[in-house]
Amino acid sequence: MAIEITRYTGRPLQDATDATAAAGSKPAADAPTAKGVRSADDKVSFTSSAALLQELEKEIAALPVVDSARVEAIQHQVATGSYQIDPARTAEKMLSIERALVGKD
């Protein structure tokens, strides 16, 4: 699906602080910026589950995309003519995917 963007000039968009500067007026020194109020003791902390998710993401990124050993085993079976297809299992897997897509699982 393509998305058409019309009337784009190719130049970067301005944020609120750039628009204020372009208009010739200065924001007050104590006024909040477009990105929010800043203070010396702003802190960001992650929950233990967020930290765990970050670790899992790193582990998943390190995994290979393809199970090479399984691919080689199936290639060998196909080459020797010993690869067997179970039509009932294949149909059930297809139906389970379809149910999951529709949300009836």
PDB file of N, CA and C in Angstrom:
ATOM      1  N   MET A   1       0.842  -1.158   0.000  1.00  0.00           N
ATOM      2  CA  MET A   1       0.000   0.000   0.000  1.00  0.00           C
ATOM      3  C   MET A   1       0.894   1.230   0.000  1.00  0.00           C
ATOM      4  N   ALA A   2       0.718   2.119  -0.966  1.00  0.00           N
ATOM      5  CA  ALA A   2       1.524   3.320  -1.073  1.00  0.00           C
ATOM      6  C   ALA A   2       0.800   4.482  -0.421  1.00  0.00           C
ATOM      7  N   ILE A   3       1.579   5.362   0.162  1.00  0.00           N
ATOM      8  CA  ILE A   3       1.034   6.576   0.764  1.00  0.00           C
ATOM      9  C   ILE A   3       1.600   7.749  -0.011  1.00  0.00           C
ATOM     10  N   GLU A   4       0.743   8.601  -0.508  1.00  0.00           N
ATOM     11  CA  GLU A   4       1.189   9.745  -1.265  1.00  0.00           C
ATOM     12  C   GLU A   4       1.184  10.974  -0.364  1.00  0.00           C
ATOM     13  N   ILE A   5       2.325  11.649  -0.324  1.00  0.00           N
ATOM     14  CA  ILE A   5       2.443  12.869   0.466  1.00  0.00           C
ATOM     15  C   ILE A   5       2.469  14.026  -0.518  1.00  0.00           C
ATOM     16  N   THR A   6       1.495  14.899  -0.406  1.00  0.00           N
ATOM     17  CA  THR A   6       1.412  16.020  -1.336  1.00  0.00           C
ATOM     18  C   THR A   6       1.890  17.298  -0.684  1.00  0.00           C
ATOM     19  N   ARG A   7       2.309  18.236  -1.483  1.00  0.00           N
ATOM     20  CA  ARG A   7       2.761  19.560  -1.069  1.00  0.00           C
ATOM     21  C   ARG A   7       3.938  19.506  -0.102  1.00  0.00           C
ATOM     22  N   TYR A   8       4.816  18.530  -0.238  1.00  0.00           N
ATOM     23  CA  TYR A   8       6.014  18.467   0.590  1.00  0.00           C
ATOM     24  C   TYR A   8       7.126  19.200  -0.144  1.00  0.00           C
ATOM     25  N   THR A   9       7.718  20.196   0.487  1.00  0.00           N
ATOM     26  CA  THR A   9       8.717  21.034  -0.168  1.00  0.00           C
ATOM     27  C   THR A   9      10.120  20.472  -0.049  1.00  0.00           C
ATOM     28  N   GLY A  10      10.321  19.473   0.770  1.00  0.00           N
ATOM     29  CA  GLY A  10      11.638  18.885   0.921  1.00  0.00           C
ATOM     30  C   GLY A  10      12.452  19.504   2.043  1.00  0.00           C
ATOM     31  N   ARG A  11      11.971  20.562   2.661  1.00  0.00           N
ATOM     32  CA  ARG A  11      12.716  21.163   3.762  1.00  0.00           C
ATOM     33  C   ARG A  11      12.179  20.622   5.090  1.00  0.00           C
ATOM     34  N   PRO A  12      13.014  20.588   6.129  1.00  0.00           N
ATOM     35  CA  PRO A  12      12.568  20.047   7.420  1.00  0.00           C
ATOM     36  C   PRO A  12      11.443  20.886   8.018  1.00  0.00           C
ATOM     37  N   LEU A  13      10.599  20.233   8.768  1.00  0.00           N
ATOM     38  CA  LEU A  13       9.510  20.907   9.449  1.00  0.00           C
ATOM     39  C   LEU A  13      10.039  21.647  10.667  1.00  0.00           C
ATOM     40  N   GLN A  14       9.371  22.711  11.056  1.00  0.00           N
ATOM     41  CA  GLN A  14       9.776  23.476  12.236  1.00  0.00           C
ATOM     42  C   GLN A  14       9.014  22.969  13.447  1.00  0.00           C
ATOM     43  N   ASP A  15       9.698  22.938  14.594  1.00  0.00           N
ATOM     44  CA  ASP A  15       8.960  22.637  15.813  1.00  0.00           C
ATOM     45  C   ASP A  15       8.513  23.953  16.440  1.00  0.00           C
ATOM     46  N   ALA A  16       7.846  23.914  17.544  1.00  0.00           N
ATOM     47  CA  ALA A  16       7.259  25.106  18.158  1.00  0.00           C
ATOM     48  C   ALA A  16       8.311  26.142  18.519  1.00  0.00           C
ATOM     49  N   THR A  17       9.487  25.711  18.982  1.00  0.00           N
ATOM     50  CA  THR A  17      10.515  26.679  19.366  1.00  0.00           C
ATOM     51  C   THR A  17      11.085  27.356  18.134  1.00  0.00           C
ATOM     52  N   ASP A  18      11.244  26.637  17.025  1.00  0.00           N
ATOM     53  CA  ASP A  18      11.718  27.239  15.782  1.00  0.00           C
ATOM     54  C   ASP A  18      10.689  28.224  15.244  1.00  0.00           C
ATOM     55  N   ALA A  19       9.418  27.894  15.337  1.00  0.00           N
ATOM     56  CA  ALA A  19       8.359  28.764  14.851  1.00  0.00           C
ATOM     57  C   ALA A  19       8.333  30.058  15.655  1.00  0.00           C
ATOM     58  N   THR A  20       8.572  29.980  16.961  1.00  0.00           N
ATOM     59  CA  THR A  20       8.600  31.174  17.803  1.00  0.00           C
ATOM     60  C   THR A  20       9.772  32.059  17.408  1.00  0.00           C
ATOM     61  N   ALA A  21      10.922  31.450  17.184  1.00  0.00           N
ATOM     62  CA  ALA A  21      12.107  32.209  16.787  1.00  0.00           C
ATOM     63  C   ALA A  21      11.900  32.836  15.416  1.00  0.00           C
ATOM     64  N   ALA A  22      11.268  32.122  14.503  1.00  0.00           N
ATOM     65  CA  ALA A  22      11.017  32.632  13.170  1.00  0.00           C
ATOM     66  C   ALA A  22      10.031  33.791  13.204  1.00  0.00           C
ATOM     67  N   ALA A  23       9.132  33.792  14.159  1.00  0.00           N
ATOM     68  CA  ALA A  23       8.140  34.852  14.266  1.00  0.00           C
ATOM     69  C   ALA A  23       8.735  36.118  14.862  1.00  0.00           C
ATOM     70  N   GLY A  24       9.944  36.039  15.425  1.00  0.00           N
ATOM     71  CA  GLY A  24      10.604  37.224  15.952  1.00  0.00           C
ATOM     72  C   GLY A  24      10.369  37.466  17.419  1.00  0.00           C
ATOM     73  N   SER A  25       9.642  36.628  18.082  1.00  0.00           N
ATOM     74  CA  SER A  25       9.417  36.821  19.511  1.00  0.00           C
ATOM     75  C   SER A  25      10.206  35.791  20.283  1.00  0.00           C
ATOM     76  N   LYS A  26      10.601  36.185  21.486  1.00  0.00           N
ATOM     77  CA  LYS A  26      11.370  35.280  22.333  1.00  0.00           C
ATOM     78  C   LYS A  26      10.471  34.737  23.420  1.00  0.00           C
ATOM     79  N   PRO A  27      10.595  33.427  23.732  1.00  0.00           N
ATOM     80  CA  PRO A  27       9.823  32.893  24.845  1.00  0.00           C
ATOM     81  C   PRO A  27      10.426  33.381  26.161  1.00  0.00           C
ATOM     82  N   ALA A  28       9.610  33.470  27.179  1.00  0.00           N
ATOM     83  CA  ALA A  28      10.091  33.865  28.499  1.00  0.00           C
ATOM     84  C   ALA A  28      11.089  32.845  28.999  1.00  0.00           C
ATOM     85  N   ALA A  29      12.048  33.276  29.805  1.00  0.00           N
ATOM     86  CA  ALA A  29      13.109  32.389  30.294  1.00  0.00           C
ATOM     87  C   ALA A  29      12.554  31.259  31.140  1.00  0.00           C
ATOM     88  N   ASP A  30      11.480  31.509  31.873  1.00  0.00           N
ATOM     89  CA  ASP A  30      10.930  30.475  32.742  1.00  0.00           C
ATOM     90  C   ASP A  30       9.755  29.736  32.105  1.00  0.00           C
ATOM     91  N   ALA A  31       9.442  30.045  30.846  1.00  0.00           N
ATOM     92  CA  ALA A  31       8.324  29.386  30.170  1.00  0.00           C
ATOM     93  C   ALA A  31       8.731  27.987  29.753  1.00  0.00           C
ATOM     94  N   PRO A  32       7.807  27.026  29.827  1.00  0.00           N
ATOM     95  CA  PRO A  32       8.135  25.668  29.403  1.00  0.00           C
ATOM     96  C   PRO A  32       8.406  25.646  27.896  1.00  0.00           C
ATOM     97  N   THR A  33       9.322  24.805  27.498  1.00  0.00           N
ATOM     98  CA  THR A  33       9.621  24.657  26.074  1.00  0.00           C
ATOM     99  C   THR A  33       8.620  23.713  25.449  1.00  0.00           C
ATOM    100  N   ALA A  34       8.705  23.557  24.138  1.00  0.00           N
ATOM    101  CA  ALA A  34       7.793  22.654  23.436  1.00  0.00           C
ATOM    102  C   ALA A  34       8.002  21.214  23.878  1.00  0.00           C
ATOM    103  N   LYS A  35       9.169  20.914  24.379  1.00  0.00           N
ATOM    104  CA  LYS A  35       9.469  19.547  24.795  1.00  0.00           C
ATOM    105  C   LYS A  35       9.148  19.311  26.267  1.00  0.00           C
ATOM    106  N   GLY A  36       8.699  20.318  26.987  1.00  0.00           N
ATOM    107  CA  GLY A  36       8.331  20.146  28.379  1.00  0.00           C
ATOM    108  C   GLY A  36       9.224  20.951  29.300  1.00  0.00           C
ATOM    109  N   VAL A  37       8.887  20.943  30.553  1.00  0.00           N
ATOM    110  CA  VAL A  37       9.639  21.681  31.552  1.00  0.00           C
ATOM    111  C   VAL A  37      10.849  20.850  31.953  1.00  0.00           C
ATOM    112  N   ARG A  38      11.987  21.494  32.041  1.00  0.00           N
ATOM    113  CA  ARG A  38      13.209  20.792  32.428  1.00  0.00           C
ATOM    114  C   ARG A  38      13.604  21.209  33.836  1.00  0.00           C
ATOM    115  N   SER A  39      14.103  20.255  34.582  1.00  0.00           N
ATOM    116  CA  SER A  39      14.612  20.576  35.904  1.00  0.00           C
ATOM    117  C   SER A  39      15.888  19.794  36.135  1.00  0.00           C
ATOM    118  N   ALA A  40      16.647  20.197  37.128  1.00  0.00           N
ATOM    119  CA  ALA A  40      17.937  19.567  37.401  1.00  0.00           C
ATOM    120  C   ALA A  40      17.776  18.136  37.892  1.00  0.00           C
ATOM    121  N   ASP A  41      16.651  17.795  38.513  1.00  0.00           N
ATOM    122  CA  ASP A  41      16.491  16.454  39.050  1.00  0.00           C
ATOM    123  C   ASP A  41      15.539  15.581  38.219  1.00  0.00           C
ATOM    124  N   ASP A  42      15.470  15.818  36.915  1.00  0.00           N
ATOM    125  CA  ASP A  42      14.713  14.907  36.053  1.00  0.00           C
ATOM    126  C   ASP A  42      15.421  13.556  36.008  1.00  0.00           C
ATOM    127  N   LYS A  43      14.664  12.498  36.145  1.00  0.00           N
ATOM    128  CA  LYS A  43      15.242  11.153  36.142  1.00  0.00           C
ATOM    129  C   LYS A  43      14.354  10.230  35.321  1.00  0.00           C
ATOM    130  N   VAL A  44      14.978   9.234  34.747  1.00  0.00           N
ATOM    131  CA  VAL A  44      14.251   8.194  34.044  1.00  0.00           C
ATOM    132  C   VAL A  44      14.629   6.877  34.693  1.00  0.00           C
ATOM    133  N   SER A  45      13.626   6.077  35.029  1.00  0.00           N
ATOM    134  CA  SER A  45      13.917   4.764  35.594  1.00  0.00           C
ATOM    135  C   SER A  45      13.028   3.732  34.911  1.00  0.00           C
ATOM    136  N   PHE A  46      13.570   2.553  34.758  1.00  0.00           N
ATOM    137  CA  PHE A  46      12.860   1.459  34.124  1.00  0.00           C
ATOM    138  C   PHE A  46      12.400   0.462  35.178  1.00  0.00           C
ATOM    139  N   THR A  47      11.257  -0.132  34.941  1.00  0.00           N
ATOM    140  CA  THR A  47      10.802  -1.188  35.829  1.00  0.00           C
ATOM    141  C   THR A  47      11.625  -2.435  35.546  1.00  0.00           C
ATOM    142  N   SER A  48      11.549  -3.383  36.430  1.00  0.00           N
ATOM    143  CA  SER A  48      12.295  -4.620  36.220  1.00  0.00           C
ATOM    144  C   SER A  48      11.805  -5.355  34.984  1.00  0.00           C
ATOM    145  N   SER A  49      10.516  -5.261  34.691  1.00  0.00           N
ATOM    146  CA  SER A  49      10.009  -5.933  33.488  1.00  0.00           C
ATOM    147  C   SER A  49      10.508  -5.241  32.220  1.00  0.00           C
ATOM    148  N   ALA A  50      10.670  -3.915  32.254  1.00  0.00           N
ATOM    149  CA  ALA A  50      11.214  -3.212  31.094  1.00  0.00           C
ATOM    150  C   ALA A  50      12.666  -3.597  30.874  1.00  0.00           C
ATOM    151  N   ALA A  51      13.420  -3.719  31.946  1.00  0.00           N
ATOM    152  CA  ALA A  51      14.815  -4.136  31.829  1.00  0.00           C
ATOM    153  C   ALA A  51      14.900  -5.563  31.288  1.00  0.00           C
ATOM    154  N   LEU A  52      14.000  -6.435  31.747  1.00  0.00           N
ATOM    155  CA  LEU A  52      13.970  -7.807  31.257  1.00  0.00           C
ATOM    156  C   LEU A  52      13.636  -7.838  29.769  1.00  0.00           C
ATOM    157  N   LEU A  53      12.692  -7.007  29.349  1.00  0.00           N
ATOM    158  CA  LEU A  53      12.337  -6.935  27.938  1.00  0.00           C
ATOM    159  C   LEU A  53      13.514  -6.468  27.093  1.00  0.00           C
ATOM    160  N   GLN A  54      14.293  -5.535  27.596  1.00  0.00           N
ATOM    161  CA  GLN A  54      15.478  -5.084  26.872  1.00  0.00           C
ATOM    162  C   GLN A  54      16.485  -6.217  26.715  1.00  0.00           C
ATOM    163  N   GLU A  55      16.692  -6.980  27.772  1.00  0.00           N
ATOM    164  CA  GLU A  55      17.612  -8.115  27.706  1.00  0.00           C
ATOM    165  C   GLU A  55      17.120  -9.163  26.707  1.00  0.00           C
ATOM    166  N   LEU A  56      15.819  -9.461  26.753  1.00  0.00           N
ATOM    167  CA  LEU A  56      15.249 -10.434  25.814  1.00  0.00           C
ATOM    168  C   LEU A  56      15.390  -9.952  24.376  1.00  0.00           C
ATOM    169  N   GLU A  57      15.190  -8.665  24.165  1.00  0.00           N
ATOM    170  CA  GLU A  57      15.328  -8.107  22.826  1.00  0.00           C
ATOM    171  C   GLU A  57      16.752  -8.290  22.306  1.00  0.00           C
ATOM    172  N   LYS A  58      17.735  -8.076  23.172  1.00  0.00           N
ATOM    173  CA  LYS A  58      19.137  -8.279  22.782  1.00  0.00           C
ATOM    174  C   LYS A  58      19.402  -9.740  22.448  1.00  0.00           C
ATOM    175  N   GLU A  59      18.873 -10.657  23.253  1.00  0.00           N
ATOM    176  CA  GLU A  59      19.078 -12.084  23.014  1.00  0.00           C
ATOM    177  C   GLU A  59      18.425 -12.520  21.705  1.00  0.00           C
ATOM    178  N   ILE A  60      17.214 -12.031  21.450  1.00  0.00           N
ATOM    179  CA  ILE A  60      16.513 -12.389  20.212  1.00  0.00           C
ATOM    180  C   ILE A  60      17.251 -11.834  19.007  1.00  0.00           C
ATOM    181  N   ALA A  61      17.774 -10.613  19.128  1.00  0.00           N
ATOM    182  CA  ALA A  61      18.511 -10.016  18.014  1.00  0.00           C
ATOM    183  C   ALA A  61      19.768 -10.819  17.684  1.00  0.00           C
ATOM    184  N   ALA A  62      20.334 -11.489  18.679  1.00  0.00           N
ATOM    185  CA  ALA A  62      21.548 -12.270  18.469  1.00  0.00           C
ATOM    186  C   ALA A  62      21.261 -13.640  17.848  1.00  0.00           C
ATOM    187  N   LEU A  63      20.008 -14.087  17.889  1.00  0.00           N
ATOM    188  CA  LEU A  63      19.665 -15.393  17.321  1.00  0.00           C
ATOM    189  C   LEU A  63      19.679 -15.344  15.806  1.00  0.00           C
ATOM    190  N   PRO A  64      20.043 -16.451  15.170  1.00  0.00           N
ATOM    191  CA  PRO A  64      19.991 -16.470  13.705  1.00  0.00           C
ATOM    192  C   PRO A  64      18.537 -16.439  13.233  1.00  0.00           C
ATOM    193  N   VAL A  65      18.322 -15.857  12.069  1.00  0.00           N
ATOM    194  CA  VAL A  65      16.976 -15.742  11.523  1.00  0.00           C
ATOM    195  C   VAL A  65      16.477 -17.102  11.056  1.00  0.00           C
ATOM    196  N   VAL A  66      17.382 -17.941  10.593  1.00  0.00           N
ATOM    197  CA  VAL A  66      17.026 -19.249  10.050  1.00  0.00           C
ATOM    198  C   VAL A  66      17.746 -20.337  10.845  1.00  0.00           C
ATOM    199  N   ASP A  67      17.044 -21.422  11.130  1.00  0.00           N
ATOM    200  CA  ASP A  67      17.644 -22.577  11.785  1.00  0.00           C
ATOM    201  C   ASP A  67      18.366 -23.397  10.713  1.00  0.00           C
ATOM    202  N   SER A  68      19.644 -23.155  10.561  1.00  0.00           N
ATOM    203  CA  SER A  68      20.422 -23.776   9.484  1.00  0.00           C
ATOM    204  C   SER A  68      20.416 -25.298   9.561  1.00  0.00           C
ATOM    205  N   ALA A  69      20.487 -25.850  10.751  1.00  0.00           N
ATOM    206  CA  ALA A  69      20.509 -27.305  10.902  1.00  0.00           C
ATOM    207  C   ALA A  69      19.206 -27.920  10.394  1.00  0.00           C
ATOM    208  N   ARG A  70      18.079 -27.279  10.704  1.00  0.00           N
ATOM    209  CA  ARG A  70      16.786 -27.788  10.244  1.00  0.00           C
ATOM    210  C   ARG A  70      16.671 -27.689   8.725  1.00  0.00           C
ATOM    211  N   VAL A  71      17.136 -26.578   8.172  1.00  0.00           N
ATOM    212  CA  VAL A  71      17.094 -26.401   6.717  1.00  0.00           C
ATOM    213  C   VAL A  71      17.920 -27.482   6.031  1.00  0.00           C
ATOM    214  N   GLU A  72      19.113 -27.740   6.547  1.00  0.00           N
ATOM    215  CA  GLU A  72      19.977 -28.770   5.956  1.00  0.00           C
ATOM    216  C   GLU A  72      19.332 -30.150   6.049  1.00  0.00           C
ATOM    217  N   ALA A  73      18.699 -30.452   7.185  1.00  0.00           N
ATOM    218  CA  ALA A  73      18.053 -31.759   7.356  1.00  0.00           C
ATOM    219  C   ALA A  73      16.912 -31.928   6.356  1.00  0.00           C
ATOM    220  N   ILE A  74      16.106 -30.891   6.174  1.00  0.00           N
ATOM    221  CA  ILE A  74      14.985 -30.981   5.227  1.00  0.00           C
ATOM    222  C   ILE A  74      15.497 -31.064   3.800  1.00  0.00           C
ATOM    223  N   GLN A  75      16.550 -30.303   3.476  1.00  0.00           N
ATOM    224  CA  GLN A  75      17.135 -30.392   2.134  1.00  0.00           C
ATOM    225  C   GLN A  75      17.636 -31.804   1.852  1.00  0.00           C
ATOM    226  N   HIS A  76      18.241 -32.418   2.847  1.00  0.00           N
ATOM    227  CA  HIS A  76      18.729 -33.790   2.682  1.00  0.00           C
ATOM    228  C   HIS A  76      17.566 -34.753   2.459  1.00  0.00           C
ATOM    229  N   GLN A  77      16.497 -34.593   3.241  1.00  0.00           N
ATOM    230  CA  GLN A  77      15.328 -35.459   3.087  1.00  0.00           C
ATOM    231  C   GLN A  77      14.695 -35.290   1.708  1.00  0.00           C
ATOM    232  N   VAL A  78      14.596 -34.059   1.229  1.00  0.00           N
ATOM    233  CA  VAL A  78      14.021 -33.813  -0.092  1.00  0.00           C
ATOM    234  C   VAL A  78      14.909 -34.435  -1.165  1.00  0.00           C
ATOM    235  N   ALA A  79      16.221 -34.273  -1.024  1.00  0.00           N
ATOM    236  CA  ALA A  79      17.166 -34.805  -2.017  1.00  0.00           C
ATOM    237  C   ALA A  79      17.131 -36.327  -2.078  1.00  0.00           C
ATOM    238  N   THR A  80      16.923 -36.966  -0.934  1.00  0.00           N
ATOM    239  CA  THR A  80      16.912 -38.433  -0.905  1.00  0.00           C
ATOM    240  C   THR A  80      15.516 -39.011  -1.117  1.00  0.00           C
ATOM    241  N   GLY A  81      14.502 -38.144  -1.191  1.00  0.00           N
ATOM    242  CA  GLY A  81      13.135 -38.615  -1.411  1.00  0.00           C
ATOM    243  C   GLY A  81      12.453 -39.134  -0.157  1.00  0.00           C
ATOM    244  N   SER A  82      13.024 -38.859   1.009  1.00  0.00           N
ATOM    245  CA  SER A  82      12.433 -39.359   2.244  1.00  0.00           C
ATOM    246  C   SER A  82      11.588 -38.316   2.979  1.00  0.00           C
ATOM    247  N   TYR A  83      11.452 -37.128   2.414  1.00  0.00           N
ATOM    248  CA  TYR A  83      10.648 -36.087   3.070  1.00  0.00           C
ATOM    249  C   TYR A  83       9.176 -36.432   2.922  1.00  0.00           C
ATOM    250  N   GLN A  84       8.478 -36.473   4.042  1.00  0.00           N
ATOM    251  CA  GLN A  84       7.069 -36.837   4.058  1.00  0.00           C
ATOM    252  C   GLN A  84       6.232 -35.638   4.482  1.00  0.00           C
ATOM    253  N   ILE A  85       5.158 -35.405   3.767  1.00  0.00           N
ATOM    254  CA  ILE A  85       4.245 -34.327   4.104  1.00  0.00           C
ATOM    255  C   ILE A  85       3.007 -34.942   4.729  1.00  0.00           C
ATOM    256  N   ASP A  86       2.629 -34.416   5.891  1.00  0.00           N
ATOM    257  CA  ASP A  86       1.419 -34.868   6.582  1.00  0.00           C
ATOM    258  C   ASP A  86       0.313 -33.869   6.248  1.00  0.00           C
ATOM    259  N   PRO A  87      -0.598 -34.195   5.321  1.00  0.00           N
ATOM    260  CA  PRO A  87      -1.619 -33.239   4.889  1.00  0.00           C
ATOM    261  C   PRO A  87      -2.529 -32.775   6.025  1.00  0.00           C
ATOM    262  N   ALA A  88      -2.871 -33.658   6.950  1.00  0.00           N
ATOM    263  CA  ALA A  88      -3.749 -33.280   8.067  1.00  0.00           C
ATOM    264  C   ALA A  88      -3.059 -32.259   8.970  1.00  0.00           C
ATOM    265  N   ARG A  89      -1.785 -32.474   9.248  1.00  0.00           N
ATOM    266  CA  ARG A  89      -1.028 -31.544  10.097  1.00  0.00           C
ATOM    267  C   ARG A  89      -0.867 -30.200   9.395  1.00  0.00           C
ATOM    268  N   THR A  90      -0.585 -30.232   8.099  1.00  0.00           N
ATOM    269  CA  THR A  90      -0.445 -28.998   7.332  1.00  0.00           C
ATOM    270  C   THR A  90      -1.748 -28.211   7.341  1.00  0.00           C
ATOM    271  N   ALA A  91      -2.870 -28.894   7.126  1.00  0.00           N
ATOM    272  CA  ALA A  91      -4.174 -28.228   7.115  1.00  0.00           C
ATOM    273  C   ALA A  91      -4.489 -27.637   8.483  1.00  0.00           C
ATOM    274  N   GLU A  92      -4.189 -28.371   9.544  1.00  0.00           N
ATOM    275  CA  GLU A  92      -4.462 -27.872  10.897  1.00  0.00           C
ATOM    276  C   GLU A  92      -3.630 -26.635  11.200  1.00  0.00           C
ATOM    277  N   LYS A  93      -2.357 -26.631  10.789  1.00  0.00           N
ATOM    278  CA  LYS A  93      -1.503 -25.462  11.000  1.00  0.00           C
ATOM    279  C   LYS A  93      -2.037 -24.264  10.239  1.00  0.00           C
ATOM    280  N   MET A  94      -2.487 -24.470   9.006  1.00  0.00           N
ATOM    281  CA  MET A  94      -3.044 -23.380   8.204  1.00  0.00           C
ATOM    282  C   MET A  94      -4.302 -22.819   8.857  1.00  0.00           C
ATOM    283  N   LEU A  95      -5.150 -23.695   9.358  1.00  0.00           N
ATOM    284  CA  LEU A  95      -6.376 -23.252  10.028  1.00  0.00           C
ATOM    285  C   LEU A  95      -6.078 -22.500  11.326  1.00  0.00           C
ATOM    286  N   SER A  96      -5.074 -22.950  12.060  1.00  0.00           N
ATOM    287  CA  SER A  96      -4.735 -22.263  13.310  1.00  0.00           C
ATOM    288  C   SER A  96      -4.194 -20.863  13.030  1.00  0.00           C
ATOM    289  N   ILE A  97      -3.436 -20.716  11.947  1.00  0.00           N
ATOM    290  CA  ILE A  97      -2.953 -19.388  11.566  1.00  0.00           C
ATOM    291  C   ILE A  97      -4.127 -18.504  11.172  1.00  0.00           C
ATOM    292  N   GLU A  98      -5.049 -19.053  10.407  1.00  0.00           N
ATOM    293  CA  GLU A  98      -6.221 -18.300   9.979  1.00  0.00           C
ATOM    294  C   GLU A  98      -7.062 -17.871  11.195  1.00  0.00           C
ATOM    295  N   ARG A  99      -7.245 -18.780  12.143  1.00  0.00           N
ATOM    296  CA  ARG A  99      -8.001 -18.436  13.362  1.00  0.00           C
ATOM    297  C   ARG A  99      -7.312 -17.324  14.152  1.00  0.00           C
ATOM    298  N   ALA A 100      -5.990 -17.391  14.227  1.00  0.00           N
ATOM    299  CA  ALA A 100      -5.239 -16.376  14.955  1.00  0.00           C
ATOM    300  C   ALA A 100      -5.358 -15.013  14.271  1.00  0.00           C
ATOM    301  N   LEU A 101      -5.354 -15.007  12.956  1.00  0.00           N
ATOM    302  CA  LEU A 101      -5.496 -13.751  12.216  1.00  0.00           C
ATOM    303  C   LEU A 101      -6.884 -13.138  12.396  1.00  0.00           C
ATOM    304  N   VAL A 102      -7.880 -13.985  12.451  1.00  0.00           N
ATOM    305  CA  VAL A 102      -9.263 -13.510  12.586  1.00  0.00           C
ATOM    306  C   VAL A 102      -9.566 -13.189  14.053  1.00  0.00           C
ATOM    307  N   GLY A 103      -8.826 -13.792  14.953  1.00  0.00           N
ATOM    308  CA  GLY A 103      -9.041 -13.538  16.369  1.00  0.00           C
ATOM    309  C   GLY A 103      -9.984 -14.525  17.028  1.00  0.00           C
ATOM    310  N   LYS A 104     -10.149 -15.694  16.448  1.00  0.00           N
ATOM    311  CA  LYS A 104     -11.068 -16.711  17.003  1.00  0.00           C
ATOM    312  C   LYS A 104     -10.329 -17.840  17.687  1.00  0.00           C
ATOM    313  N   ASP A 105      -9.090 -17.610  18.040  1.00  0.00           N
ATOM    314  CA  ASP A 105      -8.310 -18.683  18.664  1.00  0.00           C
ATOM    315  C   ASP A 105      -8.293 -18.561  20.150  1.00  0.00           C
TER     316      ASP A 105
END
